[in-house]
Amino acid sequence: MSEREKTLTPDLRGLLTLPNAAFIPGAFTAILGREPDVVGLVHYALCLQRGSSRALLLAEIRTSPEGRRHAPHAISGKRLGNPPSQTF
């Protein structure tokens, strides 16, 4: 595991304990290195309201085209406590 992965993984786990209002901006900053735009913020806020898990939303952000370009090793289901065979 690289030094970046070692320092990033605990931050992502910490995201899971944040209040909803801080979770989405924190996820964007940790994974994409930027604040969410209005469209992304509204989209993921609605997903949370409708019951989507935070782990799923982190995986969606991470596996988005921007997420794959920005942080190719930032997050995996295994590091979030999900079985490796689970798909998002």
C-alpha atoms as a PDB file:
ATOM      1  CA  MET A   1       0.000   0.000   0.000  1.00  0.00           C
ATOM      2  CA  SER A   2       1.392   3.412  -0.943  1.00  0.00           C
ATOM      3  CA  GLU A   3       1.864   6.222   1.575  1.00  0.00           C
ATOM      4  CA  ARG A   4      -1.035   8.091  -0.069  1.00  0.00           C
ATOM      5  CA  GLU A   5      -3.323   5.089   0.373  1.00  0.00           C
ATOM      6  CA  LYS A   6      -2.278   4.687   4.023  1.00  0.00           C
ATOM      7  CA  THR A   7      -3.162   8.284   4.820  1.00  0.00           C
ATOM      8  CA  LEU A   8      -6.294   8.443   2.658  1.00  0.00           C
ATOM      9  CA  THR A   9      -8.015   5.281   3.888  1.00  0.00           C
ATOM     10  CA  PRO A  10      -8.589   6.472   7.494  1.00  0.00           C
ATOM     11  CA  ASP A  11      -9.982   9.760   6.147  1.00  0.00           C
ATOM     12  CA  LEU A  12     -12.524   7.884   4.042  1.00  0.00           C
ATOM     13  CA  ARG A  13     -13.559   5.765   7.021  1.00  0.00           C
ATOM     14  CA  GLY A  14     -13.999   8.951   9.012  1.00  0.00           C
ATOM     15  CA  LEU A  15     -16.380  10.231   6.344  1.00  0.00           C
ATOM     16  CA  LEU A  16     -18.841   7.528   7.320  1.00  0.00           C
ATOM     17  CA  THR A  17     -19.326   9.168  10.733  1.00  0.00           C
ATOM     18  CA  LEU A  18     -19.891  12.730   9.501  1.00  0.00           C
ATOM     19  CA  PRO A  19     -23.336  14.362   9.530  1.00  0.00           C
ATOM     20  CA  ASN A  20     -25.070  14.246   6.146  1.00  0.00           C
ATOM     21  CA  ALA A  21     -24.413  17.954   5.513  1.00  0.00           C
ATOM     22  CA  ALA A  22     -20.644  17.396   5.825  1.00  0.00           C
ATOM     23  CA  PHE A  23     -20.478  13.922   4.281  1.00  0.00           C
ATOM     24  CA  ILE A  24     -20.933  14.860   0.613  1.00  0.00           C
ATOM     25  CA  PRO A  25     -18.490  17.806   0.591  1.00  0.00           C
ATOM     26  CA  GLY A  26     -16.023  15.670   2.547  1.00  0.00           C
ATOM     27  CA  ALA A  27     -16.345  12.790   0.100  1.00  0.00           C
ATOM     28  CA  PHE A  28     -15.784  15.041  -2.900  1.00  0.00           C
ATOM     29  CA  THR A  29     -12.756  16.659  -1.274  1.00  0.00           C
ATOM     30  CA  ALA A  30     -11.228  13.324  -0.204  1.00  0.00           C
ATOM     31  CA  ILE A  31     -11.812  11.524  -3.496  1.00  0.00           C
ATOM     32  CA  LEU A  32     -11.878  14.239  -6.156  1.00  0.00           C
ATOM     33  CA  GLY A  33      -9.853  16.962  -4.458  1.00  0.00           C
ATOM     34  CA  ARG A  34     -12.588  19.563  -4.895  1.00  0.00           C
ATOM     35  CA  GLU A  35     -15.885  20.763  -3.492  1.00  0.00           C
ATOM     36  CA  PRO A  36     -19.044  19.331  -5.077  1.00  0.00           C
ATOM     37  CA  ASP A  37     -20.814  21.350  -7.715  1.00  0.00           C
ATOM     38  CA  VAL A  38     -24.499  22.104  -7.155  1.00  0.00           C
ATOM     39  CA  VAL A  39     -25.680  19.237  -9.368  1.00  0.00           C
ATOM     40  CA  GLY A  40     -23.487  16.695  -7.572  1.00  0.00           C
ATOM     41  CA  LEU A  41     -24.418  17.994  -4.143  1.00  0.00           C
ATOM     42  CA  VAL A  42     -28.150  17.805  -4.869  1.00  0.00           C
ATOM     43  CA  HIS A  43     -27.864  14.388  -6.532  1.00  0.00           C
ATOM     44  CA  TYR A  44     -25.996  12.761  -3.645  1.00  0.00           C
ATOM     45  CA  ALA A  45     -28.102  14.530  -0.992  1.00  0.00           C
ATOM     46  CA  LEU A  46     -31.219  13.043  -2.606  1.00  0.00           C
ATOM     47  CA  CYS A  47     -29.558   9.621  -2.717  1.00  0.00           C
ATOM     48  CA  LEU A  48     -28.886   9.842   1.038  1.00  0.00           C
ATOM     49  CA  GLN A  49     -32.468  10.949   1.712  1.00  0.00           C
ATOM     50  CA  ARG A  50     -33.759   7.991  -0.298  1.00  0.00           C
ATOM     51  CA  GLY A  51     -31.711   5.553   1.769  1.00  0.00           C
ATOM     52  CA  SER A  52     -28.582   4.917  -0.297  1.00  0.00           C
ATOM     53  CA  SER A  53     -25.670   3.825   1.852  1.00  0.00           C
ATOM     54  CA  ARG A  54     -22.689   6.072   2.302  1.00  0.00           C
ATOM     55  CA  ALA A  55     -20.398   3.258   1.162  1.00  0.00           C
ATOM     56  CA  LEU A  56     -22.348   3.045  -2.096  1.00  0.00           C
ATOM     57  CA  LEU A  57     -22.112   6.791  -2.650  1.00  0.00           C
ATOM     58  CA  LEU A  58     -18.365   6.754  -1.964  1.00  0.00           C
ATOM     59  CA  ALA A  59     -17.993   3.947  -4.479  1.00  0.00           C
ATOM     60  CA  GLU A  60     -20.046   5.859  -7.072  1.00  0.00           C
ATOM     61  CA  ILE A  61     -17.926   8.982  -6.664  1.00  0.00           C
ATOM     62  CA  ARG A  62     -14.704   6.958  -6.727  1.00  0.00           C
ATOM     63  CA  THR A  63     -15.674   4.958  -9.822  1.00  0.00           C
ATOM     64  CA  SER A  64     -17.000   7.949 -11.754  1.00  0.00           C
ATOM     65  CA  PRO A  65     -14.857   8.985 -14.723  1.00  0.00           C
ATOM     66  CA  GLU A  66     -13.490  11.910 -12.700  1.00  0.00           C
ATOM     67  CA  GLY A  67     -12.867   9.691  -9.688  1.00  0.00           C
ATOM     68  CA  ARG A  68     -10.938   7.154 -11.760  1.00  0.00           C
ATOM     69  CA  ARG A  69      -8.771   9.933 -13.213  1.00  0.00           C
ATOM     70  CA  HIS A  70      -8.192  11.816  -9.971  1.00  0.00           C
ATOM     71  CA  ALA A  71      -7.700   9.055  -7.414  1.00  0.00           C
ATOM     72  CA  PRO A  72      -7.224   5.665  -9.058  1.00  0.00           C
ATOM     73  CA  HIS A  73      -6.322   3.969  -5.744  1.00  0.00           C
ATOM     74  CA  ALA A  74      -8.307   6.093  -3.282  1.00  0.00           C
ATOM     75  CA  ILE A  75     -11.008   3.665  -2.269  1.00  0.00           C
ATOM     76  CA  SER A  76     -12.174   0.123  -2.640  1.00  0.00           C
ATOM     77  CA  GLY A  77     -15.097  -1.833  -1.237  1.00  0.00           C
ATOM     78  CA  LYS A  78     -12.678  -4.014   0.701  1.00  0.00           C
ATOM     79  CA  ARG A  79     -11.318  -1.022   2.617  1.00  0.00           C
ATOM     80  CA  LEU A  80     -14.848   0.078   3.455  1.00  0.00           C
ATOM     81  CA  GLY A  81     -15.576  -3.268   5.065  1.00  0.00           C
ATOM     82  CA  ASN A  82     -17.502  -4.826   2.191  1.00  0.00           C
ATOM     83  CA  PRO A  83     -16.713  -8.309   0.902  1.00  0.00           C
ATOM     84  CA  PRO A  84     -14.386  -8.158  -2.127  1.00  0.00           C
ATOM     85  CA  SER A  85     -16.948  -9.958  -4.289  1.00  0.00           C
ATOM     86  CA  GLN A  86     -19.683  -7.406  -3.603  1.00  0.00           C
ATOM     87  CA  THR A  87     -20.469  -5.159  -6.535  1.00  0.00           C
ATOM     88  CA  PHE A  88     -21.823  -1.681  -6.234  1.00  0.00           C
END
